[in-house]
């Protein structure tokens, strides 16, 4: 597993990976942006895109108002759940 050390030289911040298995530093020095991009690439499995307009159109096609309200209430619940995690 690679751990990263924050290195500050003359006020410039960089990061360098340290491989605990080998006991050696990685050759590459990363900026904070590069490190974040690399770490996100390792942990993010899927990108989920949501088109609210498309969802609203799909809900409007549900035949009964009761079923539409149930689906809308569930979506509202999920949105609140996501917002509470931010």
Foldseek 3Di string as FASTA:
>chain_A
DWDWDWDADPNATWIWIADPVVRHIDPDIGHPVVVVVVVCVVPDDDDDDDDVVVVVVVLVPPDDPVVSVVVVVVVVVVVVVVVVVD
